[in-house]
Amino acid sequence: NLNQDELAVIKTYLRHRTFKPGATIYSQGDHGSSVCFVVDGEMDVLKLDGPGKEVKVAVLTKGQAVGEMAIIDGLTRSATIRARSSGSA
């Protein structure tokens, strides 16, 4: 429900990126400075469950956002986000 002027302002903060399957978008434990919106494709949400062992806890699809909590609370990333299929964000 944004008007054209509001959309123009938001657009200046957005950057379109394409990821290949297996590409890591965010790593658990890193500091966050961005939010990612899934434009197409799918992304896996992975949590560490012991040294070097990742467990998939969710799959993100078109229209979902990820990474906002690290911006809001200032803490490190709570999960790793990895491209599951070719897609863009």
Protein backbone atom coordinates (compact mmCIF):
# COMPACT_ATOMS: atom_id res chain seq x y z
CA ASN A 1 0.00 0.00 0.00
CA LEU A 2 2.94 2.34 -0.57
CA ASN A 3 2.69 5.24 -2.97
CA GLN A 4 5.23 5.87 -5.75
CA ASP A 5 7.29 8.34 -3.69
CA GLU A 6 7.55 5.88 -0.79
CA LEU A 7 8.53 3.06 -3.15
CA ALA A 8 11.22 5.27 -4.72
CA VAL A 9 12.79 5.87 -1.30
CA ILE A 10 12.76 2.17 -0.40
CA LYS A 11 14.21 1.23 -3.80
CA THR A 12 17.40 3.18 -3.03
CA TYR A 13 18.12 0.72 -0.19
CA LEU A 14 17.49 -2.48 -2.18
CA ARG A 15 20.00 -4.53 -4.14
CA HIS A 16 18.97 -7.48 -6.32
CA ARG A 17 21.23 -10.54 -6.07
CA THR A 18 21.10 -14.00 -7.66
CA PHE A 19 22.36 -17.08 -5.81
CA LYS A 20 23.35 -20.51 -7.11
CA PRO A 21 22.25 -23.64 -5.23
CA GLY A 22 24.45 -24.15 -2.18
CA ALA A 23 25.50 -20.50 -1.90
CA THR A 24 25.54 -19.20 1.67
CA ILE A 25 23.62 -15.95 2.12
CA TYR A 26 24.11 -15.58 5.90
CA SER A 27 26.22 -17.61 8.34
CA GLN A 28 25.17 -18.43 11.89
CA GLY A 29 27.18 -16.29 14.33
CA ASP A 30 27.93 -13.45 11.90
CA HIS A 31 26.89 -9.89 12.67
CA GLY A 32 23.99 -8.67 10.55
CA SER A 33 23.67 -5.52 8.51
CA SER A 34 21.03 -6.54 5.98
CA VAL A 35 17.67 -8.22 5.48
CA CYS A 36 16.97 -10.59 2.59
CA PHE A 37 13.65 -10.92 0.76
CA VAL A 38 13.17 -14.07 -1.34
CA VAL A 39 12.14 -13.01 -4.85
CA ASP A 40 12.17 -16.53 -6.30
CA GLY A 41 13.69 -19.91 -5.56
CA GLU A 42 14.05 -21.42 -2.09
CA MET A 43 16.45 -21.00 0.83
CA ASP A 44 17.24 -23.44 3.64
CA VAL A 45 17.44 -22.23 7.24
CA LEU A 46 20.13 -24.27 9.00
CA LYS A 47 21.15 -24.39 12.68
CA LEU A 48 24.35 -25.89 14.04
CA ASP A 49 23.76 -29.03 16.08
CA GLY A 50 27.25 -29.86 17.22
CA PRO A 51 30.60 -29.23 15.54
CA GLY A 52 30.14 -29.10 11.78
CA LYS A 53 26.65 -30.62 11.86
CA GLU A 54 23.83 -28.54 10.38
CA VAL A 55 20.14 -29.30 10.82
CA LYS A 56 17.53 -27.85 8.44
CA VAL A 57 14.84 -26.11 10.48
CA ALA A 58 12.86 -24.37 7.72
CA VAL A 59 12.63 -23.63 4.02
CA LEU A 60 12.01 -20.06 2.84
CA THR A 61 10.09 -19.39 -0.36
CA LYS A 62 9.02 -16.44 -2.51
CA GLY A 63 7.81 -13.47 -0.50
CA GLN A 64 9.47 -14.40 2.79
CA ALA A 65 12.11 -12.33 4.57
CA VAL A 66 15.11 -13.43 6.60
CA GLY A 67 17.80 -11.66 8.59
CA GLU A 68 15.63 -9.04 10.22
CA MET A 69 16.21 -10.21 13.79
CA ALA A 70 19.96 -9.49 13.64
CA ILE A 71 19.05 -5.94 12.60
CA ILE A 72 16.36 -5.52 15.27
CA ASP A 73 18.13 -7.02 18.29
CA GLY A 74 21.75 -6.32 17.28
CA LEU A 75 22.77 -9.89 18.07
CA THR A 76 24.59 -12.24 15.70
CA ARG A 77 22.80 -14.33 13.08
CA SER A 78 20.94 -17.19 14.74
CA ALA A 79 21.04 -19.47 11.69
CA THR A 80 22.78 -20.07 8.38
CA ILE A 81 20.77 -19.28 5.25
CA ARG A 82 21.73 -21.20 2.12
CA ALA A 83 20.25 -21.15 -1.38
CA ARG A 84 18.38 -24.40 -1.96
CA SER A 85 17.66 -23.74 -5.62
CA SER A 86 18.65 -21.08 -8.12
CA GLY A 87 16.92 -17.91 -7.15
CA SER A 88 17.20 -14.28 -6.35
CA ALA A 89 16.80 -12.01 -3.40
